[in-house]
C-alpha atoms as a PDB file:
ATOM      1  CA  MET A   1      -0.177   0.221  -0.212  1.00  0.00           C
ATOM      2  CA  ARG A   2       1.436   3.350  -1.129  1.00  0.00           C
ATOM      3  CA  VAL A   3      -0.201   6.359  -0.026  1.00  0.00           C
ATOM      4  CA  LEU A   4       0.397  10.183  -0.915  1.00  0.00           C
ATOM      5  CA  ALA A   5      -0.883  11.975   2.206  1.00  0.00           C
ATOM      6  CA  ILE A   6      -1.553  16.062   1.873  1.00  0.00           C
ATOM      7  CA  ASP A   7      -2.970  18.495   4.880  1.00  0.00           C
ATOM      8  CA  THR A   8      -3.015  22.037   4.265  1.00  0.00           C
ATOM      9  CA  ALA A   9      -6.100  22.589   6.254  1.00  0.00           C
ATOM     10  CA  LEU A  10      -4.357  24.447   9.660  1.00  0.00           C
ATOM     11  CA  ALA A  11      -1.069  26.103   9.814  1.00  0.00           C
ATOM     12  CA  ALA A  12       1.019  24.032   7.747  1.00  0.00           C
ATOM     13  CA  CYS A  13       1.551  22.867   5.149  1.00  0.00           C
ATOM     14  CA  SER A  14       2.729  19.095   4.746  1.00  0.00           C
ATOM     15  CA  ALA A  15       3.011  15.599   2.597  1.00  0.00           C
ATOM     16  CA  ALA A  16       4.021  12.439   3.482  1.00  0.00           C
ATOM     17  CA  LEU A  17       4.531   9.219   1.275  1.00  0.00           C
ATOM     18  CA  LEU A  18       3.613   5.760   2.879  1.00  0.00           C
ATOM     19  CA  ASP A  19       5.128   2.302   1.213  1.00  0.00           C
ATOM     20  CA  LEU A  20       3.626  -0.289   3.748  1.00  0.00           C
ATOM     21  CA  ASP A  21       5.793  -2.963   2.157  1.00  0.00           C
ATOM     22  CA  ARG A  22       8.597  -0.937   2.605  1.00  0.00           C
ATOM     23  CA  GLY A  23       8.663   0.124   5.676  1.00  0.00           C
ATOM     24  CA  GLY A  24       6.529   2.961   6.436  1.00  0.00           C
ATOM     25  CA  ILE A  25       7.069   6.425   5.859  1.00  0.00           C
ATOM     26  CA  LEU A  26       9.493   6.876   3.046  1.00  0.00           C
ATOM     27  CA  ALA A  27       9.500  10.956   2.234  1.00  0.00           C
ATOM     28  CA  HIS A  28       7.712  13.569   4.675  1.00  0.00           C
ATOM     29  CA  GLN A  29       7.700  17.463   4.537  1.00  0.00           C
ATOM     30  CA  SER A  30       6.182  20.154   6.449  1.00  0.00           C
ATOM     31  CA  GLN A  31       6.218  23.748   7.061  1.00  0.00           C
ATOM     32  CA  ALA A  32       4.606  26.018   9.288  1.00  0.00           C
ATOM     33  CA  MET A  33       2.276  28.585   7.545  1.00  0.00           C
ATOM     34  CA  GLU A  34      -0.370  30.907   8.191  1.00  0.00           C
ATOM     35  CA  ARG A  35      -1.122  31.433   4.368  1.00  0.00           C
ATOM     36  CA  GLY A  36       0.867  30.198   1.134  1.00  0.00           C
ATOM     37  CA  HIS A  37      -0.141  27.079   0.851  1.00  0.00           C
ATOM     38  CA  ALA A  38      -1.270  27.054  -3.009  1.00  0.00           C
ATOM     39  CA  GLU A  39       2.377  28.001  -3.334  1.00  0.00           C
ATOM     40  CA  ALA A  40       4.185  25.814  -1.397  1.00  0.00           C
ATOM     41  CA  LEU A  41       2.203  22.629  -1.766  1.00  0.00           C
ATOM     42  CA  LEU A  42       2.830  21.289  -5.088  1.00  0.00           C
ATOM     43  CA  PRO A  43       6.663  21.939  -5.028  1.00  0.00           C
ATOM     44  CA  MET A  44       6.535  20.004  -1.722  1.00  0.00           C
ATOM     45  CA  ILE A  45       5.211  17.106  -3.179  1.00  0.00           C
ATOM     46  CA  ALA A  46       7.322  16.864  -6.282  1.00  0.00           C
ATOM     47  CA  ARG A  47      10.209  16.469  -3.385  1.00  0.00           C
ATOM     48  CA  VAL A  48       8.390  13.815  -1.211  1.00  0.00           C
ATOM     49  CA  MET A  49       8.007  11.974  -4.912  1.00  0.00           C
ATOM     50  CA  SER A  50      11.382  12.489  -5.641  1.00  0.00           C
ATOM     51  CA  GLU A  51      12.776  11.534  -2.368  1.00  0.00           C
ATOM     52  CA  ALA A  52      10.789   8.764  -2.235  1.00  0.00           C
ATOM     53  CA  LYS A  53      11.596   7.664  -5.852  1.00  0.00           C
ATOM     54  CA  LEU A  54       8.156   6.831  -6.381  1.00  0.00           C
ATOM     55  CA  GLU A  55       6.160   7.937  -9.697  1.00  0.00           C
ATOM     56  CA  PHE A  56       2.146   9.127  -9.247  1.00  0.00           C
ATOM     57  CA  ALA A  57       1.204   6.123 -11.425  1.00  0.00           C
ATOM     58  CA  GLU A  58       2.929   3.868  -8.554  1.00  0.00           C
ATOM     59  CA  LEU A  59       0.426   5.345  -5.867  1.00  0.00           C
ATOM     60  CA  ASP A  60      -2.292   3.108  -4.358  1.00  0.00           C
ATOM     61  CA  ARG A  61      -4.484   6.359  -3.294  1.00  0.00           C
ATOM     62  CA  ILE A  62      -4.435   9.910  -2.219  1.00  0.00           C
ATOM     63  CA  ALA A  63      -5.112  10.750   1.571  1.00  0.00           C
ATOM     64  CA  VAL A  64      -5.934  14.580   2.146  1.00  0.00           C
ATOM     65  CA  THR A  65      -7.350  16.339   5.157  1.00  0.00           C
ATOM     66  CA  ILE A  66     -10.663  17.900   4.355  1.00  0.00           C
ATOM     67  CA  GLY A  67     -11.224  19.656   7.007  1.00  0.00           C
ATOM     68  CA  PRO A  68     -12.523  21.675   9.454  1.00  0.00           C
ATOM     69  CA  GLY A  69      -9.494  24.381   9.589  1.00  0.00           C
ATOM     70  CA  SER A  70      -9.072  27.325   7.304  1.00  0.00           C
ATOM     71  CA  PHE A  71     -11.614  27.528   4.321  1.00  0.00           C
ATOM     72  CA  THR A  72      -8.750  28.615   2.220  1.00  0.00           C
ATOM     73  CA  GLY A  73      -6.339  25.650   3.390  1.00  0.00           C
ATOM     74  CA  ILE A  74      -8.825  23.215   2.710  1.00  0.00           C
ATOM     75  CA  ARG A  75      -9.661  23.783  -0.655  1.00  0.00           C
ATOM     76  CA  VAL A  76      -6.344  24.057  -1.774  1.00  0.00           C
ATOM     77  CA  GLY A  77      -5.343  20.460  -0.347  1.00  0.00           C
ATOM     78  CA  VAL A  78      -8.207  19.118  -1.876  1.00  0.00           C
ATOM     79  CA  ALA A  79      -7.912  20.605  -5.446  1.00  0.00           C
ATOM     80  CA  ALA A  80      -4.723  18.949  -5.387  1.00  0.00           C
ATOM     81  CA  ALA A  81      -5.786  15.833  -4.084  1.00  0.00           C
ATOM     82  CA  ARG A  82      -8.591  15.782  -7.080  1.00  0.00           C
ATOM     83  CA  GLY A  83      -5.817  16.648  -9.329  1.00  0.00           C
ATOM     84  CA  ILE A  84      -3.652  14.239  -8.918  1.00  0.00           C
ATOM     85  CA  ALA A  85      -6.239  11.376  -8.807  1.00  0.00           C
ATOM     86  CA  LEU A  86      -7.647  12.130 -11.708  1.00  0.00           C
ATOM     87  CA  ALA A  87      -4.423  12.336 -13.733  1.00  0.00           C
ATOM     88  CA  ALA A  88      -2.732   9.187 -12.294  1.00  0.00           C
ATOM     89  CA  ASP A  89      -6.437   7.541 -12.013  1.00  0.00           C
ATOM     90  CA  LYS A  90      -6.209   6.400  -8.192  1.00  0.00           C
ATOM     91  CA  PRO A  91      -8.864   6.611  -5.225  1.00  0.00           C
ATOM     92  CA  ILE A  92      -9.017   9.452  -2.561  1.00  0.00           C
ATOM     93  CA  VAL A  93      -9.534   8.780   1.158  1.00  0.00           C
ATOM     94  CA  ALA A  94     -10.812  11.971   2.635  1.00  0.00           C
ATOM     95  CA  LEU A  95     -10.070  12.866   6.595  1.00  0.00           C
ATOM     96  CA  THR A  96     -11.102  15.073   9.067  1.00  0.00           C
ATOM     97  CA  THR A  97      -8.380  16.989  10.594  1.00  0.00           C
ATOM     98  CA  LEU A  98      -9.925  16.448  14.002  1.00  0.00           C
ATOM     99  CA  ALA A  99      -9.370  12.578  13.367  1.00  0.00           C
ATOM    100  CA  SER A 100      -5.682  13.484  12.054  1.00  0.00           C
ATOM    101  CA  PHE A 101      -5.139  15.011  15.633  1.00  0.00           C
ATOM    102  CA  ALA A 102      -6.659  12.029  17.264  1.00  0.00           C
ATOM    103  CA  ALA A 103      -4.960   9.250  15.660  1.00  0.00           C
ATOM    104  CA  PRO A 104      -1.502   8.819  17.298  1.00  0.00           C
ATOM    105  CA  HIS A 105      -3.105   8.702  20.717  1.00  0.00           C
ATOM    106  CA  ILE A 106      -6.210   6.867  19.955  1.00  0.00           C
ATOM    107  CA  ALA A 107      -3.574   3.863  18.637  1.00  0.00           C
ATOM    108  CA  THR A 108      -1.732   3.798  22.088  1.00  0.00           C
ATOM    109  CA  ASP A 109      -4.434   4.005  24.072  1.00  0.00           C
ATOM    110  CA  ASP A 110      -8.030   3.358  23.113  1.00  0.00           C
ATOM    111  CA  THR A 111      -9.468   2.876  25.946  1.00  0.00           C
ATOM    112  CA  ASN A 112      -9.681   6.768  27.793  1.00  0.00           C
ATOM    113  CA  PRO A 113     -11.871   9.536  26.654  1.00  0.00           C
ATOM    114  CA  LEU A 114     -10.292  11.689  24.082  1.00  0.00           C
ATOM    115  CA  LEU A 115     -11.714  15.048  23.155  1.00  0.00           C
ATOM    116  CA  SER A 116      -9.772  16.770  19.406  1.00  0.00           C
ATOM    117  CA  ALA A 117     -10.579  20.141  19.281  1.00  0.00           C
ATOM    118  CA  ILE A 118      -9.423  22.582  17.181  1.00  0.00           C
ATOM    119  CA  ASP A 119      -9.840  26.791  17.899  1.00  0.00           C
ATOM    120  CA  ALA A 120     -12.142  28.184  15.590  1.00  0.00           C
ATOM    121  CA  ARG A 121     -11.633  31.928  16.954  1.00  0.00           C
ATOM    122  CA  ASN A 122     -14.253  34.062  18.623  1.00  0.00           C
ATOM    123  CA  GLU A 123     -14.283  31.667  21.892  1.00  0.00           C
ATOM    124  CA  GLN A 124     -15.534  28.792  19.155  1.00  0.00           C
ATOM    125  CA  LEU A 125     -13.936  25.332  18.588  1.00  0.00           C
ATOM    126  CA  TYR A 126     -14.514  22.512  16.615  1.00  0.00           C
ATOM    127  CA  ILE A 127     -14.500  19.326  18.194  1.00  0.00           C
ATOM    128  CA  GLN A 128     -15.267  15.862  18.186  1.00  0.00           C
ATOM    129  CA  LEU A 129     -15.077  13.560  21.792  1.00  0.00           C
ATOM    130  CA  ILE A 130     -13.694   9.814  21.339  1.00  0.00           C
ATOM    131  CA  GLY A 131     -14.650   7.470  22.969  1.00  0.00           C
ATOM    132  CA  ARG A 132     -13.544   3.433  24.088  1.00  0.00           C
ATOM    133  CA  GLY A 133     -12.089   1.500  20.937  1.00  0.00           C
ATOM    134  CA  GLY A 134     -12.046   4.980  18.950  1.00  0.00           C
ATOM    135  CA  ARG A 135     -15.687   5.337  18.577  1.00  0.00           C
ATOM    136  CA  ALA A 136     -16.684   8.699  18.095  1.00  0.00           C
ATOM    137  CA  ILE A 137     -19.289  10.147  21.355  1.00  0.00           C
ATOM    138  CA  ILE A 138     -19.984  13.467  19.900  1.00  0.00           C
ATOM    139  CA  ALA A 139     -19.624  13.551  15.756  1.00  0.00           C
ATOM    140  CA  PRO A 140     -17.545  16.722  14.932  1.00  0.00           C
ATOM    141  CA  ARG A 141     -19.247  19.808  15.452  1.00  0.00           C
ATOM    142  CA  VAL A 142     -18.931  23.651  16.376  1.00  0.00           C
ATOM    143  CA  ALA A 143     -18.892  24.297  19.995  1.00  0.00           C
ATOM    144  CA  GLY A 144     -18.471  27.337  22.092  1.00  0.00           C
ATOM    145  CA  LEU A 145     -15.816  27.604  24.808  1.00  0.00           C
ATOM    146  CA  ARG A 146     -17.484  27.174  27.782  1.00  0.00           C
ATOM    147  CA  GLU A 147     -19.403  23.960  26.371  1.00  0.00           C
ATOM    148  CA  ALA A 148     -16.227  22.638  25.279  1.00  0.00           C
ATOM    149  CA  VAL A 149     -14.343  22.865  28.533  1.00  0.00           C
ATOM    150  CA  ARG A 150     -17.738  21.357  29.977  1.00  0.00           C
ATOM    151  CA  ILE A 151     -17.473  18.406  27.664  1.00  0.00           C
ATOM    152  CA  ALA A 152     -13.769  18.385  28.358  1.00  0.00           C
ATOM    153  CA  SER A 153     -14.006  18.344  31.793  1.00  0.00           C
ATOM    154  CA  GLY A 154     -17.136  15.990  32.534  1.00  0.00           C
ATOM    155  CA  THR A 155     -14.444  12.991  32.792  1.00  0.00           C
ATOM    156  CA  PRO A 156     -10.311  12.727  33.089  1.00  0.00           C
ATOM    157  CA  THR A 157      -9.674  12.980  29.013  1.00  0.00           C
ATOM    158  CA  ARG A 158      -7.650  13.979  27.072  1.00  0.00           C
ATOM    159  CA  ILE A 159      -7.110  16.785  24.555  1.00  0.00           C
ATOM    160  CA  VAL A 160      -5.581  17.073  21.655  1.00  0.00           C
ATOM    161  CA  GLY A 161      -5.350  19.855  18.676  1.00  0.00           C
ATOM    162  CA  SER A 162      -4.804  23.865  18.228  1.00  0.00           C
ATOM    163  CA  GLY A 163      -7.280  23.942  21.065  1.00  0.00           C
ATOM    164  CA  ALA A 164      -6.417  22.143  23.553  1.00  0.00           C
ATOM    165  CA  GLY A 165      -4.531  24.671  25.516  1.00  0.00           C
ATOM    166  CA  LEU A 166      -7.341  27.132  24.739  1.00  0.00           C
ATOM    167  CA  ILE A 167      -9.899  24.913  26.678  1.00  0.00           C
ATOM    168  CA  HIS A 168      -7.350  23.664  29.719  1.00  0.00           C
ATOM    169  CA  ALA A 169      -6.657  27.588  30.244  1.00  0.00           C
ATOM    170  CA  HIS A 170     -10.164  27.913  31.339  1.00  0.00           C
ATOM    171  CA  TRP A 171     -10.673  24.654  32.662  1.00  0.00           C
ATOM    172  CA  LEU A 172     -13.185  24.518  35.475  1.00  0.00           C
ATOM    173  CA  ALA A 173     -12.177  24.937  39.252  1.00  0.00           C
ATOM    174  CA  GLY A 174     -12.359  21.366  41.299  1.00  0.00           C
ATOM    175  CA  GLU A 175     -12.612  19.535  38.107  1.00  0.00           C
ATOM    176  CA  PRO A 176      -9.667  16.492  38.036  1.00  0.00           C
ATOM    177  CA  GLN A 177      -7.353  17.718  35.798  1.00  0.00           C
ATOM    178  CA  PRO A 178      -7.136  15.919  32.180  1.00  0.00           C
ATOM    179  CA  LEU A 179      -4.572  12.977  31.536  1.00  0.00           C
ATOM    180  CA  LEU A 180      -3.150  14.904  28.386  1.00  0.00           C
ATOM    181  CA  VAL A 181      -2.987  18.174  26.651  1.00  0.00           C
ATOM    182  CA  GLU A 182      -1.385  18.135  23.831  1.00  0.00           C
ATOM    183  CA  ALA A 183      -1.763  21.753  21.501  1.00  0.00           C
ATOM    184  CA  THR A 184      -0.371  21.320  17.756  1.00  0.00           C
ATOM    185  CA  PRO A 185      -0.988  23.752  15.103  1.00  0.00           C
ATOM    186  CA  ALA A 186      -1.491  20.691  12.805  1.00  0.00           C
ATOM    187  CA  PRO A 187      -2.024  17.104  12.594  1.00  0.00           C
ATOM    188  CA  ASP A 188       1.320  14.814  12.321  1.00  0.00           C
ATOM    189  CA  ILE A 189       1.216  13.871   8.455  1.00  0.00           C
ATOM    190  CA  ASP A 190       2.519  10.633   9.130  1.00  0.00           C
ATOM    191  CA  TRP A 191      -0.292   9.963  10.753  1.00  0.00           C
ATOM    192  CA  VAL A 192      -2.012  11.304   7.982  1.00  0.00           C
ATOM    193  CA  ALA A 193      -0.562   8.661   5.559  1.00  0.00           C
ATOM    194  CA  ARG A 194      -1.119   5.914   8.661  1.00  0.00           C
ATOM    195  CA  LEU A 195      -4.922   6.433   8.449  1.00  0.00           C
ATOM    196  CA  GLY A 196      -5.465   6.870   4.634  1.00  0.00           C
ATOM    197  CA  ALA A 197      -3.599   3.337   4.559  1.00  0.00           C
ATOM    198  CA  VAL A 198      -6.492   1.761   6.887  1.00  0.00           C
ATOM    199  CA  ALA A 199      -9.385   3.802   5.526  1.00  0.00           C
ATOM    200  CA  ALA A 200     -12.240   1.786   3.946  1.00  0.00           C
ATOM    201  CA  GLU A 201     -14.194   4.291   1.644  1.00  0.00           C
ATOM    202  CA  THR A 202     -12.437   5.771  -0.703  1.00  0.00           C
ATOM    203  CA  THR A 203     -13.779   8.308  -3.436  1.00  0.00           C
ATOM    204  CA  PRO A 204     -13.302  10.487  -6.387  1.00  0.00           C
ATOM    205  CA  HIS A 205     -14.614  13.427  -5.481  1.00  0.00           C
ATOM    206  CA  PRO A 206     -13.733  14.278  -1.686  1.00  0.00           C
ATOM    207  CA  LYS A 207     -15.780  17.384  -0.183  1.00  0.00           C
ATOM    208  CA  PRO A 208     -14.417  20.243   1.905  1.00  0.00           C
ATOM    209  CA  LEU A 209     -15.894  19.889   5.588  1.00  0.00           C
ATOM    210  CA  TYR A 210     -16.198  23.707   6.864  1.00  0.00           C
ATOM    211  CA  LEU A 211     -18.687  23.016   9.702  1.00  0.00           C
ATOM    212  CA  ARG A 212     -19.773  26.856   9.458  1.00  0.00           C
ATOM    213  CA  ASN A 213     -19.934  29.136   6.942  1.00  0.00           C
ATOM    214  CA  ALA A 214     -17.407  31.635   6.056  1.00  0.00           C
ATOM    215  CA  ASN A 215     -16.825  34.561   8.630  1.00  0.00           C
ATOM    216  CA  ALA A 216     -16.553  37.266   5.227  1.00  0.00           C
ATOM    217  CA  ARG A 217     -17.981  40.115   4.191  1.00  0.00           C
ATOM    218  CA  PRO A 218     -17.658  43.376   2.060  1.00  0.00           C
ATOM    219  CA  GLN A 219     -14.655  45.365   2.884  1.00  0.00           C
ATOM    220  CA  ASP A 220     -16.353  49.111   2.991  1.00  0.00           C
ATOM    221  CA  ALA A 221     -13.563  51.047   2.332  1.00  0.00           C
ATOM    222  CA  PHE A 222     -13.558  49.486  -1.438  1.00  0.00           C
ATOM    223  CA  ARG A 223     -17.242  49.523  -1.514  1.00  0.00           C
ATOM    224  CA  LEU A 224     -18.076  51.540  -4.561  1.00  0.00           C
ATOM    225  CA  SER A 225     -21.388  53.937  -4.094  1.00  0.00           C
ATOM    226  CA  ARG A 226     -24.393  53.231  -6.605  1.00  0.00           C
ATOM    227  CA  ARG A 227     -25.417  55.852  -9.086  1.00  0.00           C
END
């Protein structure tokens, strides 16, 4: 199984090549960035493929994170995955950023609850609560900060993702402390690749998972008056 993994949904541009028959990750690159994913991604993929000494035709599938996260970043990754999949006639595995954050921790301990959280700004978070056996207790959705803290502190749990530090900073007094708080700005691309290898479902047309509408509005300074 050979998987090209792509992640541009949050504060990094990342690509990795996994080959299970050759021992695992053959090449990976990741660059922290808030914007500029579109310019950085394709050259990065080319470098990863070159380092792994593979052609796109030799891949079995492409794995891409579909969100939630940055609207622009998500579109960049999904568009690149679609283009490569179309050109090479390969299937795509669509993975959420929340599952990607959770994956390495569920792999080592699938008995204790885990809250995967992404800072969505304005005291909101994208969250997913995962229970025993890696099963979703709360499906991916938007939650206010107070609600996310209440969910996380309802039982001794682990909190991971870019929103983990925010939740822990507002921890409820008297509640047991979480077993783990790991705040990272983006998923580990190696684990995106590993998830892509074991995922059962593939698709030729992955759709972004935004969870909420874009927070955008016209800028008054550039608005032309009507005549």
